[in-house]
Amino acid sequence: MSCRNDLRPAVFAELFPTAVRYSGASLSITVGTVFGGAIAPFVARALYSTTDSSWPVTVYAVVLSLISWMCALGLKETFDQQL
């Protein structure tokens, strides 16, 4: 496990105001798990069975990774703010 993975709970906690922090973090993790973890295998299987090649699955994974990276870039730093 890298150092970055240890920071995930802190990042999720800082995304939401204290009044809704637990619910917001829980909902965002759950929705992300459902859409990222449950749908991706079905899409990958459909892409592979349609084309008989792993390249579309690779492109799909890269596109999802780029979307995640762009979302991470959009997070604002909160270390100097009163939460």
PDB file of N, CA and C in Angstrom:
ATOM      1  N   MET A   1       0.847  -1.171   0.000  1.00  0.00           N
ATOM      2  CA  MET A   1       0.000   0.000   0.000  1.00  0.00           C
ATOM      3  C   MET A   1       0.897   1.240   0.000  1.00  0.00           C
ATOM      4  N   SER A   2       0.593   2.141  -0.882  1.00  0.00           N
ATOM      5  CA  SER A   2       1.416   3.348  -0.959  1.00  0.00           C
ATOM      6  C   SER A   2       0.911   4.402   0.017  1.00  0.00           C
ATOM      7  N   CYS A   3       1.696   5.420   0.156  1.00  0.00           N
ATOM      8  CA  CYS A   3       1.357   6.522   1.060  1.00  0.00           C
ATOM      9  C   CYS A   3       0.088   7.236   0.595  1.00  0.00           C
ATOM     10  N   ARG A   4      -0.096   7.356  -0.710  1.00  0.00           N
ATOM     11  CA  ARG A   4      -1.282   8.043  -1.241  1.00  0.00           C
ATOM     12  C   ARG A   4      -2.575   7.358  -0.821  1.00  0.00           C
ATOM     13  N   ASN A   5      -2.600   6.029  -0.774  1.00  0.00           N
ATOM     14  CA  ASN A   5      -3.806   5.321  -0.376  1.00  0.00           C
ATOM     15  C   ASN A   5      -4.181   5.611   1.064  1.00  0.00           C
ATOM     16  N   ASP A   6      -3.216   5.921   1.897  1.00  0.00           N
ATOM     17  CA  ASP A   6      -3.501   6.231   3.287  1.00  0.00           C
ATOM     18  C   ASP A   6      -4.189   7.581   3.434  1.00  0.00           C
ATOM     19  N   LEU A   7      -4.116   8.423   2.429  1.00  0.00           N
ATOM     20  CA  LEU A   7      -4.709   9.756   2.498  1.00  0.00           C
ATOM     21  C   LEU A   7      -6.161   9.797   2.032  1.00  0.00           C
ATOM     22  N   ARG A   8      -6.649   8.721   1.438  1.00  0.00           N
ATOM     23  CA  ARG A   8      -8.012   8.727   0.913  1.00  0.00           C
ATOM     24  C   ARG A   8      -9.071   9.098   1.937  1.00  0.00           C
ATOM     25  N   PRO A   9      -9.079   8.523   3.139  1.00  0.00           N
ATOM     26  CA  PRO A   9     -10.113   8.917   4.100  1.00  0.00           C
ATOM     27  C   PRO A   9     -10.074  10.405   4.433  1.00  0.00           C
ATOM     28  N   ALA A  10      -8.897  10.975   4.531  1.00  0.00           N
ATOM     29  CA  ALA A  10      -8.794  12.402   4.828  1.00  0.00           C
ATOM     30  C   ALA A  10      -9.321  13.239   3.669  1.00  0.00           C
ATOM     31  N   VAL A  11      -9.034  12.820   2.448  1.00  0.00           N
ATOM     32  CA  VAL A  11      -9.524  13.563   1.282  1.00  0.00           C
ATOM     33  C   VAL A  11     -11.045  13.510   1.240  1.00  0.00           C
ATOM     34  N   PHE A  12     -11.637  12.340   1.435  1.00  0.00           N
ATOM     35  CA  PHE A  12     -13.091  12.235   1.428  1.00  0.00           C
ATOM     36  C   PHE A  12     -13.703  13.045   2.562  1.00  0.00           C
ATOM     37  N   ALA A  13     -13.102  13.037   3.724  1.00  0.00           N
ATOM     38  CA  ALA A  13     -13.644  13.786   4.860  1.00  0.00           C
ATOM     39  C   ALA A  13     -13.629  15.280   4.596  1.00  0.00           C
ATOM     40  N   GLU A  14     -12.601  15.772   3.926  1.00  0.00           N
ATOM     41  CA  GLU A  14     -12.489  17.210   3.682  1.00  0.00           C
ATOM     42  C   GLU A  14     -13.379  17.700   2.545  1.00  0.00           C
ATOM     43  N   LEU A  15     -13.974  16.810   1.795  1.00  0.00           N
ATOM     44  CA  LEU A  15     -14.825  17.222   0.684  1.00  0.00           C
ATOM     45  C   LEU A  15     -16.171  17.769   1.139  1.00  0.00           C
ATOM     46  N   PHE A  16     -16.588  17.431   2.349  1.00  0.00           N
ATOM     47  CA  PHE A  16     -17.937  17.762   2.796  1.00  0.00           C
ATOM     48  C   PHE A  16     -17.899  18.578   4.073  1.00  0.00           C
ATOM     49  N   PRO A  17     -18.897  19.457   4.264  1.00  0.00           N
ATOM     50  CA  PRO A  17     -18.992  20.196   5.524  1.00  0.00           C
ATOM     51  C   PRO A  17     -19.233  19.230   6.690  1.00  0.00           C
ATOM     52  N   THR A  18     -18.901  19.647   7.872  1.00  0.00           N
ATOM     53  CA  THR A  18     -18.990  18.752   9.028  1.00  0.00           C
ATOM     54  C   THR A  18     -20.403  18.236   9.274  1.00  0.00           C
ATOM     55  N   ALA A  19     -21.429  18.998   8.937  1.00  0.00           N
ATOM     56  CA  ALA A  19     -22.809  18.577   9.195  1.00  0.00           C
ATOM     57  C   ALA A  19     -23.215  17.366   8.357  1.00  0.00           C
ATOM     58  N   VAL A  20     -22.620  17.195   7.183  1.00  0.00           N
ATOM     59  CA  VAL A  20     -22.991  16.085   6.298  1.00  0.00           C
ATOM     60  C   VAL A  20     -21.781  15.227   5.920  1.00  0.00           C
ATOM     61  N   ARG A  21     -20.710  15.349   6.660  1.00  0.00           N
ATOM     62  CA  ARG A  21     -19.463  14.675   6.288  1.00  0.00           C
ATOM     63  C   ARG A  21     -19.605  13.165   6.223  1.00  0.00           C
ATOM     64  N   TYR A  22     -20.185  12.546   7.225  1.00  0.00           N
ATOM     65  CA  TYR A  22     -20.301  11.090   7.249  1.00  0.00           C
ATOM     66  C   TYR A  22     -21.184  10.596   6.107  1.00  0.00           C
ATOM     67  N   SER A  23     -22.328  11.230   5.923  1.00  0.00           N
ATOM     68  CA  SER A  23     -23.246  10.827   4.846  1.00  0.00           C
ATOM     69  C   SER A  23     -22.647  11.086   3.475  1.00  0.00           C
ATOM     70  N   GLY A  24     -22.009  12.223   3.301  1.00  0.00           N
ATOM     71  CA  GLY A  24     -21.421  12.554   2.004  1.00  0.00           C
ATOM     72  C   GLY A  24     -20.304  11.621   1.618  1.00  0.00           C
ATOM     73  N   ALA A  25     -19.424  11.327   2.552  1.00  0.00           N
ATOM     74  CA  ALA A  25     -18.316  10.412   2.269  1.00  0.00           C
ATOM     75  C   ALA A  25     -18.838   9.010   2.003  1.00  0.00           C
ATOM     76  N   SER A  26     -19.787   8.567   2.788  1.00  0.00           N
ATOM     77  CA  SER A  26     -20.348   7.231   2.616  1.00  0.00           C
ATOM     78  C   SER A  26     -21.053   7.099   1.270  1.00  0.00           C
ATOM     79  N   LEU A  27     -21.857   8.083   0.915  1.00  0.00           N
ATOM     80  CA  LEU A  27     -22.586   8.033  -0.351  1.00  0.00           C
ATOM     81  C   LEU A  27     -21.640   8.090  -1.540  1.00  0.00           C
ATOM     82  N   SER A  28     -20.635   8.940  -1.475  1.00  0.00           N
ATOM     83  CA  SER A  28     -19.713   9.051  -2.606  1.00  0.00           C
ATOM     84  C   SER A  28     -18.893   7.785  -2.793  1.00  0.00           C
ATOM     85  N   ILE A  29     -18.461   7.155  -1.711  1.00  0.00           N
ATOM     86  CA  ILE A  29     -17.702   5.908  -1.818  1.00  0.00           C
ATOM     87  C   ILE A  29     -18.601   4.789  -2.349  1.00  0.00           C
ATOM     88  N   THR A  30     -19.834   4.735  -1.874  1.00  0.00           N
ATOM     89  CA  THR A  30     -20.754   3.688  -2.314  1.00  0.00           C
ATOM     90  C   THR A  30     -21.106   3.831  -3.790  1.00  0.00           C
ATOM     91  N   VAL A  31     -21.428   5.031  -4.219  1.00  0.00           N
ATOM     92  CA  VAL A  31     -21.773   5.257  -5.632  1.00  0.00           C
ATOM     93  C   VAL A  31     -20.569   4.977  -6.522  1.00  0.00           C
ATOM     94  N   GLY A  32     -19.401   5.412  -6.099  1.00  0.00           N
ATOM     95  CA  GLY A  32     -18.193   5.135  -6.874  1.00  0.00           C
ATOM     96  C   GLY A  32     -17.898   3.654  -6.990  1.00  0.00           C
ATOM     97  N   THR A  33     -18.127   2.923  -5.910  1.00  0.00           N
ATOM     98  CA  THR A  33     -17.908   1.479  -5.937  1.00  0.00           C
ATOM     99  C   THR A  33     -18.901   0.784  -6.859  1.00  0.00           C
ATOM    100  N   VAL A  34     -20.147   1.193  -6.811  1.00  0.00           N
ATOM    101  CA  VAL A  34     -21.160   0.575  -7.665  1.00  0.00           C
ATOM    102  C   VAL A  34     -20.866   0.834  -9.137  1.00  0.00           C
ATOM    103  N   PHE A  35     -20.635   2.088  -9.486  1.00  0.00           N
ATOM    104  CA  PHE A  35     -20.418   2.399 -10.902  1.00  0.00           C
ATOM    105  C   PHE A  35     -19.039   1.974 -11.391  1.00  0.00           C
ATOM    106  N   GLY A  36     -18.033   2.083 -10.542  1.00  0.00           N
ATOM    107  CA  GLY A  36     -16.695   1.704 -10.965  1.00  0.00           C
ATOM    108  C   GLY A  36     -16.407   0.229 -10.832  1.00  0.00           C
ATOM    109  N   GLY A  37     -16.971  -0.396  -9.824  1.00  0.00           N
ATOM    110  CA  GLY A  37     -16.657  -1.789  -9.577  1.00  0.00           C
ATOM    111  C   GLY A  37     -17.663  -2.780 -10.105  1.00  0.00           C
ATOM    112  N   ALA A  38     -18.907  -2.378 -10.260  1.00  0.00           N
ATOM    113  CA  ALA A  38     -19.938  -3.313 -10.692  1.00  0.00           C
ATOM    114  C   ALA A  38     -20.189  -3.259 -12.196  1.00  0.00           C
ATOM    115  N   ILE A  39     -20.124  -2.091 -12.769  1.00  0.00           N
ATOM    116  CA  ILE A  39     -20.443  -1.945 -14.188  1.00  0.00           C
ATOM    117  C   ILE A  39     -19.233  -2.239 -15.074  1.00  0.00           C
ATOM    118  N   ALA A  40     -18.050  -1.898 -14.606  1.00  0.00           N
ATOM    119  CA  ALA A  40     -16.841  -2.046 -15.431  1.00  0.00           C
ATOM    120  C   ALA A  40     -16.610  -3.464 -15.950  1.00  0.00           C
ATOM    121  N   PRO A  41     -16.775  -4.514 -15.156  1.00  0.00           N
ATOM    122  CA  PRO A  41     -16.561  -5.859 -15.699  1.00  0.00           C
ATOM    123  C   PRO A  41     -17.545  -6.219 -16.815  1.00  0.00           C
ATOM    124  N   PHE A  42     -18.786  -5.773 -16.690  1.00  0.00           N
ATOM    125  CA  PHE A  42     -19.773  -6.057 -17.733  1.00  0.00           C
ATOM    126  C   PHE A  42     -19.439  -5.328 -19.029  1.00  0.00           C
ATOM    127  N   VAL A  43     -19.010  -4.085 -18.904  1.00  0.00           N
ATOM    128  CA  VAL A  43     -18.615  -3.311 -20.086  1.00  0.00           C
ATOM    129  C   VAL A  43     -17.377  -3.938 -20.726  1.00  0.00           C
ATOM    130  N   ALA A  44     -16.407  -4.318 -19.912  1.00  0.00           N
ATOM    131  CA  ALA A  44     -15.191  -4.938 -20.439  1.00  0.00           C
ATOM    132  C   ALA A  44     -15.515  -6.247 -21.155  1.00  0.00           C
ATOM    133  N   ARG A  45     -16.381  -7.044 -20.570  1.00  0.00           N
ATOM    134  CA  ARG A  45     -16.781  -8.312 -21.204  1.00  0.00           C
ATOM    135  C   ARG A  45     -17.492  -8.060 -22.525  1.00  0.00           C
ATOM    136  N   ALA A  46     -18.382  -7.082 -22.560  1.00  0.00           N
ATOM    137  CA  ALA A  46     -19.096  -6.756 -23.800  1.00  0.00           C
ATOM    138  C   ALA A  46     -18.132  -6.252 -24.871  1.00  0.00           C
ATOM    139  N   LEU A  47     -17.194  -5.403 -24.478  1.00  0.00           N
ATOM    140  CA  LEU A  47     -16.217  -4.898 -25.441  1.00  0.00           C
ATOM    141  C   LEU A  47     -15.362  -6.028 -26.009  1.00  0.00           C
ATOM    142  N   TYR A  48     -14.920  -6.915 -25.134  1.00  0.00           N
ATOM    143  CA  TYR A  48     -14.063  -8.005 -25.591  1.00  0.00           C
ATOM    144  C   TYR A  48     -14.825  -8.988 -26.474  1.00  0.00           C
ATOM    145  N   SER A  49     -16.044  -9.335 -26.084  1.00  0.00           N
ATOM    146  CA  SER A  49     -16.805 -10.303 -26.875  1.00  0.00           C
ATOM    147  C   SER A  49     -17.255  -9.725 -28.215  1.00  0.00           C
ATOM    148  N   THR A  50     -17.437  -8.410 -28.278  1.00  0.00           N
ATOM    149  CA  THR A  50     -17.836  -7.774 -29.534  1.00  0.00           C
ATOM    150  C   THR A  50     -16.681  -7.700 -30.518  1.00  0.00           C
ATOM    151  N   THR A  51     -15.484  -7.421 -30.025  1.00  0.00           N
ATOM    152  CA  THR A  51     -14.353  -7.175 -30.921  1.00  0.00           C
ATOM    153  C   THR A  51     -13.331  -8.309 -30.957  1.00  0.00           C
ATOM    154  N   ASP A  52     -13.410  -9.272 -30.030  1.00  0.00           N
ATOM    155  CA  ASP A  52     -12.414 -10.343 -29.903  1.00  0.00           C
ATOM    156  C   ASP A  52     -10.994  -9.798 -29.782  1.00  0.00           C
ATOM    157  N   SER A  53     -10.879  -8.666 -29.126  1.00  0.00           N
ATOM    158  CA  SER A  53      -9.584  -8.038 -28.909  1.00  0.00           C
ATOM    159  C   SER A  53      -9.599  -7.361 -27.544  1.00  0.00           C
ATOM    160  N   SER A  54      -8.434  -7.294 -26.936  1.00  0.00           N
ATOM    161  CA  SER A  54      -8.357  -6.636 -25.628  1.00  0.00           C
ATOM    162  C   SER A  54      -8.106  -5.135 -25.737  1.00  0.00           C
ATOM    163  N   TRP A  55      -7.835  -4.633 -26.927  1.00  0.00           N
ATOM    164  CA  TRP A  55      -7.556  -3.197 -27.079  1.00  0.00           C
ATOM    165  C   TRP A  55      -8.721  -2.304 -26.658  1.00  0.00           C
ATOM    166  N   PRO A  56      -9.960  -2.621 -27.022  1.00  0.00           N
ATOM    167  CA  PRO A  56     -11.053  -1.755 -26.536  1.00  0.00           C
ATOM    168  C   PRO A  56     -11.171  -1.746 -25.008  1.00  0.00           C
ATOM    169  N   VAL A  57     -10.873  -2.869 -24.375  1.00  0.00           N
ATOM    170  CA  VAL A  57     -10.911  -2.918 -22.911  1.00  0.00           C
ATOM    171  C   VAL A  57      -9.801  -2.033 -22.335  1.00  0.00           C
ATOM    172  N   THR A  58      -8.646  -2.059 -22.970  1.00  0.00           N
ATOM    173  CA  THR A  58      -7.536  -1.210 -22.541  1.00  0.00           C
ATOM    174  C   THR A  58      -7.891   0.260 -22.689  1.00  0.00           C
ATOM    175  N   VAL A  59      -8.477   0.616 -23.819  1.00  0.00           N
ATOM    176  CA  VAL A  59      -8.886   2.006 -24.050  1.00  0.00           C
ATOM    177  C   VAL A  59      -9.933   2.421 -23.021  1.00  0.00           C
ATOM    178  N   TYR A  60     -10.875   1.529 -22.733  1.00  0.00           N
ATOM    179  CA  TYR A  60     -11.903   1.804 -21.730  1.00  0.00           C
ATOM    180  C   TYR A  60     -11.265   2.077 -20.361  1.00  0.00           C
ATOM    181  N   ALA A  61     -10.303   1.241 -19.970  1.00  0.00           N
ATOM    182  CA  ALA A  61      -9.631   1.429 -18.682  1.00  0.00           C
ATOM    183  C   ALA A  61      -8.844   2.730 -18.651  1.00  0.00           C
ATOM    184  N   VAL A  62      -8.194   3.069 -19.756  1.00  0.00           N
ATOM    185  CA  VAL A  62      -7.431   4.320 -19.818  1.00  0.00           C
ATOM    186  C   VAL A  62      -8.365   5.519 -19.730  1.00  0.00           C
ATOM    187  N   VAL A  63      -9.490   5.461 -20.429  1.00  0.00           N
ATOM    188  CA  VAL A  63     -10.454   6.573 -20.385  1.00  0.00           C
ATOM    189  C   VAL A  63     -10.986   6.759 -18.962  1.00  0.00           C
ATOM    190  N   LEU A  64     -11.334   5.658 -18.292  1.00  0.00           N
ATOM    191  CA  LEU A  64     -11.808   5.772 -16.914  1.00  0.00           C
ATOM    192  C   LEU A  64     -10.722   6.327 -15.993  1.00  0.00           C
ATOM    193  N   SER A  65      -9.485   5.930 -16.238  1.00  0.00           N
ATOM    194  CA  SER A  65      -8.370   6.448 -15.435  1.00  0.00           C
ATOM    195  C   SER A  65      -8.168   7.939 -15.660  1.00  0.00           C
ATOM    196  N   LEU A  66      -8.291   8.379 -16.897  1.00  0.00           N
ATOM    197  CA  LEU A  66      -8.155   9.809 -17.195  1.00  0.00           C
ATOM    198  C   LEU A  66      -9.278  10.617 -16.561  1.00  0.00           C
ATOM    199  N   ILE A  67     -10.482  10.081 -16.581  1.00  0.00           N
ATOM    200  CA  ILE A  67     -11.602  10.770 -15.938  1.00  0.00           C
ATOM    201  C   ILE A  67     -11.348  10.885 -14.430  1.00  0.00           C
ATOM    202  N   SER A  68     -10.867   9.810 -13.815  1.00  0.00           N
ATOM    203  CA  SER A  68     -10.554   9.845 -12.382  1.00  0.00           C
ATOM    204  C   SER A  68      -9.460  10.857 -12.079  1.00  0.00           C
ATOM    205  N   TRP A  69      -8.449  10.894 -12.927  1.00  0.00           N
ATOM    206  CA  TRP A  69      -7.342  11.836 -12.742  1.00  0.00           C
ATOM    207  C   TRP A  69      -7.828  13.276 -12.847  1.00  0.00           C
ATOM    208  N   MET A  70      -8.694  13.551 -13.841  1.00  0.00           N
ATOM    209  CA  MET A  70      -9.225  14.914 -13.996  1.00  0.00           C
ATOM    210  C   MET A  70     -10.091  15.298 -12.801  1.00  0.00           C
ATOM    211  N   CYS A  71     -10.844  14.349 -12.279  1.00  0.00           N
ATOM    212  CA  CYS A  71     -11.645  14.632 -11.082  1.00  0.00           C
ATOM    213  C   CYS A  71     -10.751  14.933  -9.881  1.00  0.00           C
ATOM    214  N   ALA A  72      -9.665  14.189  -9.747  1.00  0.00           N
ATOM    215  CA  ALA A  72      -8.729  14.443  -8.646  1.00  0.00           C
ATOM    216  C   ALA A  72      -8.083  15.812  -8.782  1.00  0.00           C
ATOM    217  N   LEU A  73      -7.803  16.227 -10.002  1.00  0.00           N
ATOM    218  CA  LEU A  73      -7.234  17.560 -10.212  1.00  0.00           C
ATOM    219  C   LEU A  73      -8.213  18.664  -9.813  1.00  0.00           C
ATOM    220  N   GLY A  74      -9.500  18.382  -9.900  1.00  0.00           N
ATOM    221  CA  GLY A  74     -10.521  19.367  -9.561  1.00  0.00           C
ATOM    222  C   GLY A  74     -10.771  19.531  -8.074  1.00  0.00           C
ATOM    223  N   LEU A  75     -10.193  18.663  -7.252  1.00  0.00           N
ATOM    224  CA  LEU A  75     -10.378  18.791  -5.809  1.00  0.00           C
ATOM    225  C   LEU A  75      -9.642  20.013  -5.298  1.00  0.00           C
ATOM    226  N   LYS A  76     -10.255  20.723  -4.388  1.00  0.00           N
ATOM    227  CA  LYS A  76      -9.589  21.905  -3.839  1.00  0.00           C
ATOM    228  C   LYS A  76      -8.889  21.558  -2.539  1.00  0.00           C
ATOM    229  N   GLU A  77      -7.793  22.216  -2.327  1.00  0.00           N
ATOM    230  CA  GLU A  77      -7.002  22.008  -1.114  1.00  0.00           C
ATOM    231  C   GLU A  77      -7.681  22.720   0.045  1.00  0.00           C
ATOM    232  N   THR A  78      -7.765  22.074   1.178  1.00  0.00           N
ATOM    233  CA  THR A  78      -8.463  22.651   2.322  1.00  0.00           C
ATOM    234  C   THR A  78      -7.591  22.792   3.562  1.00  0.00           C
ATOM    235  N   PHE A  79      -6.285  22.629   3.412  1.00  0.00           N
ATOM    236  CA  PHE A  79      -5.422  22.646   4.599  1.00  0.00           C
ATOM    237  C   PHE A  79      -5.418  23.993   5.308  1.00  0.00           C
ATOM    238  N   ASP A  80      -5.710  25.080   4.615  1.00  0.00           N
ATOM    239  CA  ASP A  80      -5.676  26.399   5.247  1.00  0.00           C
ATOM    240  C   ASP A  80      -7.068  26.950   5.550  1.00  0.00           C
ATOM    241  N   GLN A  81      -8.090  26.112   5.438  1.00  0.00           N
ATOM    242  CA  GLN A  81      -9.457  26.550   5.671  1.00  0.00           C
ATOM    243  C   GLN A  81      -9.993  25.965   6.976  1.00  0.00           C
ATOM    244  N   GLN A  82     -10.855  26.719   7.615  1.00  0.00           N
ATOM    245  CA  GLN A  82     -11.527  26.225   8.813  1.00  0.00           C
ATOM    246  C   GLN A  82     -12.660  25.302   8.380  1.00  0.00           C
ATOM    247  N   LEU A  83     -12.601  24.035   8.778  1.00  0.00           N
ATOM    248  CA  LEU A  83     -13.641  23.089   8.413  1.00  0.00           C
ATOM    249  C   LEU A  83     -14.633  22.935   9.533  1.00  0.00           C
TER     250      LEU A  83
END
